[in-house]
N, C-alpha and C. Protein backbone atom coordinates (compact mmCIF):
# COMPACT_ATOMS: atom_id res chain seq x y z
N UNK A 1 115.81 93.59 95.12
CA UNK A 1 115.44 94.99 95.09
C UNK A 1 116.53 95.78 94.39
N UNK A 2 116.16 96.56 93.41
CA UNK A 2 117.12 97.37 92.70
C UNK A 2 117.66 98.48 93.60
N UNK A 3 116.79 99.05 94.41
CA UNK A 3 117.23 100.10 95.32
C UNK A 3 118.24 99.57 96.32
N UNK A 4 117.99 98.38 96.82
CA UNK A 4 118.91 97.76 97.77
C UNK A 4 120.29 97.56 97.14
N UNK A 5 120.34 97.13 95.90
CA UNK A 5 121.61 96.90 95.21
C UNK A 5 122.40 98.20 95.04
N UNK A 6 121.68 99.31 94.87
CA UNK A 6 122.37 100.60 94.71
C UNK A 6 122.78 101.21 96.04
N UNK A 7 122.00 101.00 97.08
CA UNK A 7 122.26 101.68 98.36
C UNK A 7 123.20 100.88 99.25
N UNK A 8 123.19 99.57 99.15
CA UNK A 8 124.00 98.73 100.03
C UNK A 8 125.49 99.10 99.98
N UNK A 9 126.12 99.33 98.80
CA UNK A 9 127.54 99.73 98.82
C UNK A 9 127.77 101.05 99.56
N UNK A 10 126.83 101.99 99.44
CA UNK A 10 126.95 103.24 100.18
C UNK A 10 126.90 102.98 101.68
N UNK A 11 126.03 102.07 102.11
CA UNK A 11 125.87 101.79 103.54
C UNK A 11 127.08 101.09 104.12
N UNK A 12 127.81 100.37 103.31
CA UNK A 12 128.98 99.62 103.82
C UNK A 12 130.19 100.50 104.09
N UNK A 13 130.13 101.76 103.74
CA UNK A 13 131.30 102.65 103.91
C UNK A 13 131.58 103.00 105.36
N UNK A 14 130.56 102.96 106.21
CA UNK A 14 130.79 103.25 107.63
C UNK A 14 129.74 102.55 108.48
N UNK A 15 130.04 102.41 109.76
CA UNK A 15 129.10 101.76 110.67
C UNK A 15 127.85 102.60 110.85
N UNK A 16 128.00 103.92 110.89
CA UNK A 16 126.85 104.80 111.06
C UNK A 16 125.91 104.70 109.86
N UNK A 17 126.47 104.68 108.66
CA UNK A 17 125.64 104.53 107.46
C UNK A 17 124.94 103.17 107.45
N UNK A 18 125.66 102.14 107.85
CA UNK A 18 125.07 100.79 107.88
C UNK A 18 123.91 100.75 108.88
N UNK A 19 124.11 101.37 110.04
CA UNK A 19 123.03 101.42 111.03
C UNK A 19 121.84 102.20 110.49
N UNK A 20 122.10 103.36 109.89
CA UNK A 20 121.00 104.18 109.35
C UNK A 20 120.25 103.42 108.26
N UNK A 21 120.99 102.75 107.40
CA UNK A 21 120.35 101.99 106.32
C UNK A 21 119.47 100.87 106.87
N UNK A 22 120.00 100.10 107.79
CA UNK A 22 119.22 98.99 108.37
C UNK A 22 118.02 99.50 109.15
N UNK A 23 118.18 100.61 109.84
CA UNK A 23 117.09 101.21 110.60
C UNK A 23 115.96 101.65 109.67
N UNK A 24 116.31 102.34 108.58
CA UNK A 24 115.30 102.80 107.63
C UNK A 24 114.66 101.63 106.89
N UNK A 25 115.46 100.62 106.55
CA UNK A 25 114.91 99.45 105.88
C UNK A 25 113.92 98.72 106.79
N UNK A 26 114.25 98.61 108.06
CA UNK A 26 113.34 98.00 109.02
C UNK A 26 112.03 98.78 109.09
N UNK A 27 112.12 100.10 109.14
CA UNK A 27 110.92 100.94 109.17
C UNK A 27 110.06 100.76 107.94
N UNK A 28 110.67 100.66 106.76
CA UNK A 28 109.91 100.44 105.54
C UNK A 28 109.22 99.08 105.55
N UNK A 29 109.92 98.07 106.02
CA UNK A 29 109.31 96.73 106.09
C UNK A 29 108.14 96.72 107.07
N UNK A 30 108.25 97.41 108.17
CA UNK A 30 107.16 97.47 109.14
C UNK A 30 105.97 98.21 108.55
N UNK A 31 106.22 99.31 107.85
CA UNK A 31 105.13 100.05 107.21
C UNK A 31 104.43 99.18 106.18
N UNK A 32 105.19 98.42 105.42
CA UNK A 32 104.62 97.51 104.42
C UNK A 32 103.72 96.47 105.10
N UNK A 33 104.18 95.96 106.22
CA UNK A 33 103.42 94.93 106.93
C UNK A 33 102.14 95.49 107.54
N UNK A 34 102.07 96.78 107.75
CA UNK A 34 100.91 97.39 108.39
C UNK A 34 99.83 97.83 107.40
N UNK A 35 100.04 97.66 106.11
CA UNK A 35 99.07 98.13 105.13
C UNK A 35 97.67 97.57 105.38
N UNK A 36 97.57 96.25 105.49
CA UNK A 36 96.26 95.63 105.67
C UNK A 36 95.63 96.07 106.99
N UNK A 37 96.39 96.03 108.06
CA UNK A 37 95.87 96.41 109.37
C UNK A 37 95.41 97.85 109.42
N UNK A 38 96.16 98.74 108.80
CA UNK A 38 95.77 100.15 108.79
C UNK A 38 94.50 100.36 107.97
N UNK A 39 94.39 99.68 106.85
CA UNK A 39 93.19 99.80 106.03
C UNK A 39 91.97 99.26 106.78
N UNK A 40 92.14 98.14 107.46
CA UNK A 40 91.03 97.58 108.24
C UNK A 40 90.63 98.52 109.38
N UNK A 41 91.60 99.07 110.08
CA UNK A 41 91.30 100.00 111.16
C UNK A 41 90.56 101.22 110.64
N UNK A 42 90.96 101.72 109.49
CA UNK A 42 90.26 102.86 108.89
C UNK A 42 88.81 102.50 108.56
N UNK A 43 88.60 101.29 108.04
CA UNK A 43 87.23 100.85 107.74
C UNK A 43 86.40 100.69 109.00
N UNK A 44 86.98 100.12 110.04
CA UNK A 44 86.25 99.93 111.29
C UNK A 44 85.82 101.27 111.88
N UNK A 45 86.74 102.23 111.91
CA UNK A 45 86.42 103.55 112.46
C UNK A 45 85.38 104.25 111.58
N UNK A 46 85.57 104.19 110.26
CA UNK A 46 84.64 104.87 109.35
C UNK A 46 83.23 104.28 109.46
N UNK A 47 83.13 102.96 109.52
CA UNK A 47 81.79 102.37 109.61
C UNK A 47 81.17 102.61 110.98
N UNK A 48 81.99 102.74 112.01
CA UNK A 48 81.45 103.03 113.35
C UNK A 48 80.73 104.38 113.36
N UNK A 49 81.33 105.36 112.70
CA UNK A 49 80.75 106.70 112.73
C UNK A 49 79.70 106.94 111.65
N UNK A 50 79.82 106.29 110.48
CA UNK A 50 78.97 106.65 109.37
C UNK A 50 78.08 105.52 108.84
N UNK A 51 78.04 104.38 109.50
CA UNK A 51 77.18 103.29 108.99
C UNK A 51 75.73 103.57 109.37
N UNK A 52 74.81 103.58 108.39
CA UNK A 52 73.41 103.86 108.71
C UNK A 52 72.77 102.72 109.50
N UNK A 53 71.94 103.06 110.45
CA UNK A 53 71.31 102.05 111.32
C UNK A 53 70.39 101.12 110.54
N UNK A 54 69.73 101.62 109.52
CA UNK A 54 68.77 100.82 108.76
C UNK A 54 69.35 100.30 107.44
N UNK A 55 70.66 100.15 107.36
CA UNK A 55 71.28 99.67 106.12
C UNK A 55 70.86 98.23 105.85
N UNK A 56 70.67 97.87 104.58
CA UNK A 56 70.25 96.49 104.27
C UNK A 56 71.34 95.46 104.56
N UNK A 57 72.56 95.89 104.65
CA UNK A 57 73.68 95.00 104.94
C UNK A 57 74.22 95.33 106.34
N UNK A 58 74.41 94.31 107.16
CA UNK A 58 74.93 94.53 108.51
C UNK A 58 76.36 95.07 108.43
N UNK A 59 76.71 95.90 109.40
CA UNK A 59 78.03 96.54 109.41
C UNK A 59 79.16 95.51 109.39
N UNK A 60 79.07 94.47 110.20
CA UNK A 60 80.15 93.49 110.25
C UNK A 60 80.23 92.66 108.98
N UNK A 61 79.11 92.45 108.30
CA UNK A 61 79.15 91.78 107.00
C UNK A 61 79.88 92.66 105.99
N UNK A 62 79.63 93.95 106.05
CA UNK A 62 80.31 94.88 105.16
C UNK A 62 81.81 94.91 105.45
N UNK A 63 82.18 94.81 106.73
CA UNK A 63 83.60 94.78 107.09
C UNK A 63 84.28 93.53 106.55
N UNK A 64 83.60 92.40 106.58
CA UNK A 64 84.17 91.16 106.01
C UNK A 64 84.37 91.33 104.52
N UNK A 65 83.36 91.84 103.84
CA UNK A 65 83.50 92.07 102.39
C UNK A 65 84.61 93.07 102.10
N UNK A 66 84.73 94.08 102.94
CA UNK A 66 85.81 95.06 102.78
C UNK A 66 87.18 94.43 102.97
N UNK A 67 87.30 93.54 103.95
CA UNK A 67 88.57 92.86 104.20
C UNK A 67 88.97 92.00 102.99
N UNK A 68 88.00 91.31 102.43
CA UNK A 68 88.27 90.50 101.23
C UNK A 68 88.66 91.41 100.07
N UNK A 69 87.99 92.54 99.93
CA UNK A 69 88.31 93.48 98.86
C UNK A 69 89.72 94.06 99.02
N UNK A 70 90.10 94.39 100.24
CA UNK A 70 91.45 94.91 100.49
C UNK A 70 92.49 93.85 100.11
N UNK A 71 92.25 92.62 100.53
CA UNK A 71 93.20 91.55 100.22
C UNK A 71 93.28 91.33 98.72
N UNK A 72 92.15 91.36 98.02
CA UNK A 72 92.16 91.21 96.56
C UNK A 72 92.92 92.36 95.90
N UNK A 73 92.74 93.57 96.42
CA UNK A 73 93.47 94.72 95.89
C UNK A 73 94.97 94.57 96.09
N UNK A 74 95.37 94.12 97.27
CA UNK A 74 96.79 93.91 97.54
C UNK A 74 97.38 92.84 96.62
N UNK A 75 96.61 91.79 96.36
CA UNK A 75 97.06 90.74 95.45
C UNK A 75 97.13 91.26 94.01
N UNK A 76 96.13 92.03 93.60
CA UNK A 76 96.08 92.54 92.23
C UNK A 76 97.22 93.52 91.96
N UNK A 77 97.58 94.31 92.95
CA UNK A 77 98.66 95.29 92.77
C UNK A 77 100.03 94.69 93.09
N UNK A 78 100.06 93.40 93.39
CA UNK A 78 101.29 92.66 93.69
C UNK A 78 102.01 93.19 94.93
N UNK A 79 101.26 93.82 95.83
CA UNK A 79 101.83 94.21 97.12
C UNK A 79 101.81 93.05 98.08
N UNK A 80 101.05 92.01 97.72
CA UNK A 80 100.93 90.80 98.53
C UNK A 80 101.10 89.60 97.60
N UNK A 81 101.57 88.50 98.15
CA UNK A 81 101.73 87.27 97.37
C UNK A 81 100.83 86.19 97.94
N UNK A 82 100.49 85.19 97.09
CA UNK A 82 99.68 84.08 97.54
C UNK A 82 100.43 83.34 98.60
């Protein structure tokens, strides 16, 4: 990470900075890990409220297709690796 290479020397100047840096880095990593789960939760809630009862495609089938689409998008944008 280019950002890590620039910020790490700043963080090493004091224990408080090192703690703040590691704390924020942990938060960013957790947010990154939650991308798929958050997108799926948004789809589940959205389809619960707005899925038509007489739709030709079942809601859970649409959720599976949506999950595959999210994963493909994450792979295409290189936010996820094989």
